[in-house]
Amino acid sequence: MGSIPNDDIDILAKAKRALDRDYAPSDDEEYMSEQQLNYFRVLLLEWKKSILSAAESTLQLLQDGPIREPDLNDRASSETDWGIELRTRDRQRKLIAKIDSALRRIDEGEYGWCEVTGEPIGINRLIARPIATMTVEAQQAHERREKVSRDD
């Protein structure tokens, strides 16, 4: 199953801390009630805001000037670090598109329902991965089919 990279987990955890601590979705209430949808909308917006803030700080550092390490080894190390940072930002740019898609699904009343089976994705899965579009079972089947086609 697709995992969330550590940086994204940290940013998601930060977004969760910004939420109202008086409420957490549970299985005891109506699935995708207005309160649950609002919780996930705020969570997704906070997550997006955190990603954009991190990207802005990276952009600011890049604009401050090129790498000017006198030692070739230090310069190579700095360039490698920047390469990793830029790949992380690119991955997060793609994540923002998924967050925007989840927000659109909330607005259209499709959030929380599997795009393959039409069944509820589940509160615990959505809390762990708010951009999920499939149940765990549907995701596993999708990944098995993907692996088989890659192996062909």
C-alpha atoms as a PDB file:
ATOM      1  CA  MET A   1       0.000   0.000   0.000  1.00  0.00           C
ATOM      2  CA  GLY A   2       1.263   3.499  -0.771  1.00  0.00           C
ATOM      3  CA  SER A   3       2.943   5.109   2.175  1.00  0.00           C
ATOM      4  CA  ILE A   4       3.149   8.753   3.086  1.00  0.00           C
ATOM      5  CA  PRO A   5       6.732  10.089   3.197  1.00  0.00           C
ATOM      6  CA  ASN A   6       7.935  11.264   6.637  1.00  0.00           C
ATOM      7  CA  ASP A   7       7.955  14.980   5.701  1.00  0.00           C
ATOM      8  CA  ASP A   8       4.307  14.716   4.679  1.00  0.00           C
ATOM      9  CA  ILE A   9       3.450  12.899   7.917  1.00  0.00           C
ATOM     10  CA  ASP A  10       5.089  15.702   9.918  1.00  0.00           C
ATOM     11  CA  ILE A  11       3.153  18.343   7.991  1.00  0.00           C
ATOM     12  CA  LEU A  12      -0.095  16.384   8.380  1.00  0.00           C
ATOM     13  CA  ALA A  13       0.549  16.043  12.132  1.00  0.00           C
ATOM     14  CA  LYS A  14       1.092  19.813  12.314  1.00  0.00           C
ATOM     15  CA  ALA A  15      -2.211  20.370  10.498  1.00  0.00           C
ATOM     16  CA  LYS A  16      -4.007  18.040  12.925  1.00  0.00           C
ATOM     17  CA  ARG A  17      -2.624  20.005  15.887  1.00  0.00           C
ATOM     18  CA  ALA A  18      -4.169  23.173  14.435  1.00  0.00           C
ATOM     19  CA  LEU A  19      -7.661  21.631  14.539  1.00  0.00           C
ATOM     20  CA  ASP A  20     -10.299  22.014  17.225  1.00  0.00           C
ATOM     21  CA  ARG A  21      -9.336  19.548  19.951  1.00  0.00           C
ATOM     22  CA  ASP A  22     -12.922  19.303  21.199  1.00  0.00           C
ATOM     23  CA  TYR A  23     -13.941  17.130  18.256  1.00  0.00           C
ATOM     24  CA  ALA A  24     -12.578  14.066  16.513  1.00  0.00           C
ATOM     25  CA  PRO A  25     -14.606  11.995  14.036  1.00  0.00           C
ATOM     26  CA  SER A  26     -15.665   8.575  15.285  1.00  0.00           C
ATOM     27  CA  ASP A  27     -17.509   5.492  14.071  1.00  0.00           C
ATOM     28  CA  ASP A  28     -20.238   6.205  16.645  1.00  0.00           C
ATOM     29  CA  GLU A  29     -21.755   9.029  14.591  1.00  0.00           C
ATOM     30  CA  GLU A  30     -23.417   9.209  11.191  1.00  0.00           C
ATOM     31  CA  TYR A  31     -20.847   8.566   8.466  1.00  0.00           C
ATOM     32  CA  MET A  32     -19.820  11.753   6.628  1.00  0.00           C
ATOM     33  CA  SER A  33     -22.066  13.925   8.747  1.00  0.00           C
ATOM     34  CA  GLU A  34     -21.772  17.684   8.361  1.00  0.00           C
ATOM     35  CA  GLN A  35     -19.471  17.792  11.401  1.00  0.00           C
ATOM     36  CA  GLN A  36     -17.178  15.104   9.954  1.00  0.00           C
ATOM     37  CA  LEU A  37     -17.072  16.798   6.570  1.00  0.00           C
ATOM     38  CA  ASN A  38     -16.219  20.104   8.224  1.00  0.00           C
ATOM     39  CA  TYR A  39     -13.453  18.409  10.251  1.00  0.00           C
ATOM     40  CA  PHE A  40     -11.877  16.974   7.096  1.00  0.00           C
ATOM     41  CA  ARG A  41     -12.314  20.250   5.173  1.00  0.00           C
ATOM     42  CA  VAL A  42     -10.461  22.169   7.899  1.00  0.00           C
ATOM     43  CA  LEU A  43      -7.811  19.422   8.163  1.00  0.00           C
ATOM     44  CA  LEU A  44      -7.210  19.466   4.409  1.00  0.00           C
ATOM     45  CA  LEU A  45      -7.030  23.264   4.323  1.00  0.00           C
ATOM     46  CA  GLU A  46      -4.571  23.321   7.246  1.00  0.00           C
ATOM     47  CA  TRP A  47      -2.472  20.610   5.568  1.00  0.00           C
ATOM     48  CA  LYS A  48      -2.385  22.607   2.345  1.00  0.00           C
ATOM     49  CA  LYS A  49      -1.490  25.803   4.217  1.00  0.00           C
ATOM     50  CA  SER A  50       1.403  24.016   5.973  1.00  0.00           C
ATOM     51  CA  ILE A  51       2.737  22.669   2.677  1.00  0.00           C
ATOM     52  CA  LEU A  52       2.525  26.075   1.015  1.00  0.00           C
ATOM     53  CA  SER A  53       4.297  27.675   3.973  1.00  0.00           C
ATOM     54  CA  ALA A  54       7.149  25.155   3.739  1.00  0.00           C
ATOM     55  CA  ALA A  55       7.386  25.715  -0.015  1.00  0.00           C
ATOM     56  CA  GLU A  56       7.506  29.472   0.501  1.00  0.00           C
ATOM     57  CA  SER A  57      10.443  29.162   2.894  1.00  0.00           C
ATOM     58  CA  THR A  58      12.275  26.959   0.376  1.00  0.00           C
ATOM     59  CA  LEU A  59      11.625  29.492  -2.361  1.00  0.00           C
ATOM     60  CA  GLN A  60      12.920  32.289  -0.146  1.00  0.00           C
ATOM     61  CA  LEU A  61      16.132  30.366   0.534  1.00  0.00           C
ATOM     62  CA  LEU A  62      16.599  29.744  -3.182  1.00  0.00           C
ATOM     63  CA  GLN A  63      16.115  33.437  -3.937  1.00  0.00           C
ATOM     64  CA  ASP A  64      18.685  34.441  -1.330  1.00  0.00           C
ATOM     65  CA  GLY A  65      21.387  33.374  -3.715  1.00  0.00           C
ATOM     66  CA  PRO A  66      23.218  30.498  -5.318  1.00  0.00           C
ATOM     67  CA  ILE A  67      25.321  27.999  -3.451  1.00  0.00           C
ATOM     68  CA  ARG A  68      28.763  29.530  -2.897  1.00  0.00           C
ATOM     69  CA  GLU A  69      30.698  26.831  -1.105  1.00  0.00           C
ATOM     70  CA  PRO A  70      34.439  27.250  -1.706  1.00  0.00           C
ATOM     71  CA  ASP A  71      35.210  23.563  -1.237  1.00  0.00           C
ATOM     72  CA  LEU A  72      34.073  21.283  -4.078  1.00  0.00           C
ATOM     73  CA  ASN A  73      32.969  18.558  -1.665  1.00  0.00           C
ATOM     74  CA  ASP A  74      30.912  21.036   0.366  1.00  0.00           C
ATOM     75  CA  ARG A  75      29.376  22.421  -2.811  1.00  0.00           C
ATOM     76  CA  ALA A  76      28.470  18.924  -4.034  1.00  0.00           C
ATOM     77  CA  SER A  77      26.919  18.142  -0.673  1.00  0.00           C
ATOM     78  CA  SER A  78      24.899  21.382  -0.744  1.00  0.00           C
ATOM     79  CA  GLU A  79      23.710  20.702  -4.284  1.00  0.00           C
ATOM     80  CA  THR A  80      22.623  17.211  -3.251  1.00  0.00           C
ATOM     81  CA  ASP A  81      20.706  18.645  -0.300  1.00  0.00           C
ATOM     82  CA  TRP A  82      18.994  21.153  -2.589  1.00  0.00           C
ATOM     83  CA  GLY A  83      18.130  18.396  -5.044  1.00  0.00           C
ATOM     84  CA  ILE A  84      16.448  16.437  -2.276  1.00  0.00           C
ATOM     85  CA  GLU A  85      14.631  19.542  -1.075  1.00  0.00           C
ATOM     86  CA  LEU A  86      13.354  20.331  -4.564  1.00  0.00           C
ATOM     87  CA  ARG A  87      12.168  16.727  -5.092  1.00  0.00           C
ATOM     88  CA  THR A  88      10.317  16.970  -1.769  1.00  0.00           C
ATOM     89  CA  ARG A  89       8.649  20.199  -2.876  1.00  0.00           C
ATOM     90  CA  ASP A  90       7.685  18.618  -6.204  1.00  0.00           C
ATOM     91  CA  ARG A  91       6.121  15.675  -4.372  1.00  0.00           C
ATOM     92  CA  GLN A  92       4.254  18.118  -2.152  1.00  0.00           C
ATOM     93  CA  ARG A  93       3.061  20.060  -5.209  1.00  0.00           C
ATOM     94  CA  LYS A  94       1.441  16.832  -6.399  1.00  0.00           C
ATOM     95  CA  LEU A  95       0.023  16.329  -2.907  1.00  0.00           C
ATOM     96  CA  ILE A  96      -1.618  19.766  -3.081  1.00  0.00           C
ATOM     97  CA  ALA A  97      -3.432  18.636  -6.234  1.00  0.00           C
ATOM     98  CA  LYS A  98      -4.731  15.604  -4.297  1.00  0.00           C
ATOM     99  CA  ILE A  99      -5.789  17.841  -1.404  1.00  0.00           C
ATOM    100  CA  ASP A 100      -7.635  20.129  -3.828  1.00  0.00           C
ATOM    101  CA  SER A 101      -9.318  17.058  -5.313  1.00  0.00           C
ATOM    102  CA  ALA A 102     -10.403  15.914  -1.827  1.00  0.00           C
ATOM    103  CA  LEU A 103     -11.800  19.380  -1.101  1.00  0.00           C
ATOM    104  CA  ARG A 104     -13.731  19.242  -4.377  1.00  0.00           C
ATOM    105  CA  ARG A 105     -15.111  15.805  -3.401  1.00  0.00           C
ATOM    106  CA  ILE A 106     -16.282  17.278  -0.075  1.00  0.00           C
ATOM    107  CA  ASP A 107     -18.092  20.056  -1.943  1.00  0.00           C
ATOM    108  CA  GLU A 108     -19.671  17.549  -4.329  1.00  0.00           C
ATOM    109  CA  GLY A 109     -20.717  15.109  -1.594  1.00  0.00           C
ATOM    110  CA  GLU A 110     -18.373  12.340  -2.784  1.00  0.00           C
ATOM    111  CA  TYR A 111     -15.785  12.535   0.001  1.00  0.00           C
ATOM    112  CA  GLY A 112     -15.384   9.439   2.151  1.00  0.00           C
ATOM    113  CA  TRP A 113     -16.774   7.049  -0.437  1.00  0.00           C
ATOM    114  CA  CYS A 114     -14.611   4.643  -2.447  1.00  0.00           C
ATOM    115  CA  GLU A 115     -14.328   5.665  -6.078  1.00  0.00           C
ATOM    116  CA  VAL A 116     -14.174   1.990  -7.102  1.00  0.00           C
ATOM    117  CA  THR A 117     -16.735   0.219  -4.917  1.00  0.00           C
ATOM    118  CA  GLY A 118     -18.871   3.100  -3.673  1.00  0.00           C
ATOM    119  CA  GLU A 119     -18.469   1.803  -0.102  1.00  0.00           C
ATOM    120  CA  PRO A 120     -17.422   3.981   2.863  1.00  0.00           C
ATOM    121  CA  ILE A 121     -13.638   4.399   3.020  1.00  0.00           C
ATOM    122  CA  GLY A 122     -13.765   4.500   6.821  1.00  0.00           C
ATOM    123  CA  ILE A 123     -13.078   7.178   9.401  1.00  0.00           C
ATOM    124  CA  ASN A 124      -9.802   5.690  10.640  1.00  0.00           C
ATOM    125  CA  ARG A 125      -8.373   5.473   7.113  1.00  0.00           C
ATOM    126  CA  LEU A 126      -9.417   9.051   6.360  1.00  0.00           C
ATOM    127  CA  ILE A 127      -7.891  10.302   9.600  1.00  0.00           C
ATOM    128  CA  ALA A 128      -4.620   8.558   8.666  1.00  0.00           C
ATOM    129  CA  ARG A 129      -4.788   9.562   4.981  1.00  0.00           C
ATOM    130  CA  PRO A 130      -7.323  12.350   4.376  1.00  0.00           C
ATOM    131  CA  ILE A 131      -6.772  12.224   0.602  1.00  0.00           C
ATOM    132  CA  ALA A 132      -7.689   8.536   0.303  1.00  0.00           C
ATOM    133  CA  THR A 133     -10.053   7.762  -2.573  1.00  0.00           C
ATOM    134  CA  MET A 134     -10.389   4.000  -2.077  1.00  0.00           C
ATOM    135  CA  THR A 135     -11.044   1.540   0.713  1.00  0.00           C
ATOM    136  CA  VAL A 136      -8.022  -0.421   1.912  1.00  0.00           C
ATOM    137  CA  GLU A 137      -9.226  -3.501   0.021  1.00  0.00           C
ATOM    138  CA  ALA A 138      -9.787  -1.605  -3.238  1.00  0.00           C
ATOM    139  CA  GLN A 139      -6.378   0.096  -2.867  1.00  0.00           C
ATOM    140  CA  GLN A 140      -4.656  -3.260  -2.322  1.00  0.00           C
ATOM    141  CA  ALA A 141      -6.391  -4.754  -5.370  1.00  0.00           C
ATOM    142  CA  HIS A 142      -5.394  -1.703  -7.429  1.00  0.00           C
ATOM    143  CA  GLU A 143      -1.766  -2.031  -6.335  1.00  0.00           C
ATOM    144  CA  ARG A 144      -1.725  -5.770  -7.120  1.00  0.00           C
ATOM    145  CA  ARG A 145      -3.038  -5.075 -10.645  1.00  0.00           C
ATOM    146  CA  GLU A 146      -0.487  -2.277 -11.030  1.00  0.00           C
ATOM    147  CA  LYS A 147       2.339  -4.591  -9.948  1.00  0.00           C
ATOM    148  CA  VAL A 148       1.215  -7.330 -12.350  1.00  0.00           C
ATOM    149  CA  SER A 149       1.135  -4.884 -15.271  1.00  0.00           C
ATOM    150  CA  ARG A 150       4.571  -3.552 -14.336  1.00  0.00           C
ATOM    151  CA  ASP A 151       5.970  -7.085 -14.246  1.00  0.00           C
ATOM    152  CA  ASP A 152       4.630  -7.897 -17.735  1.00  0.00           C
END
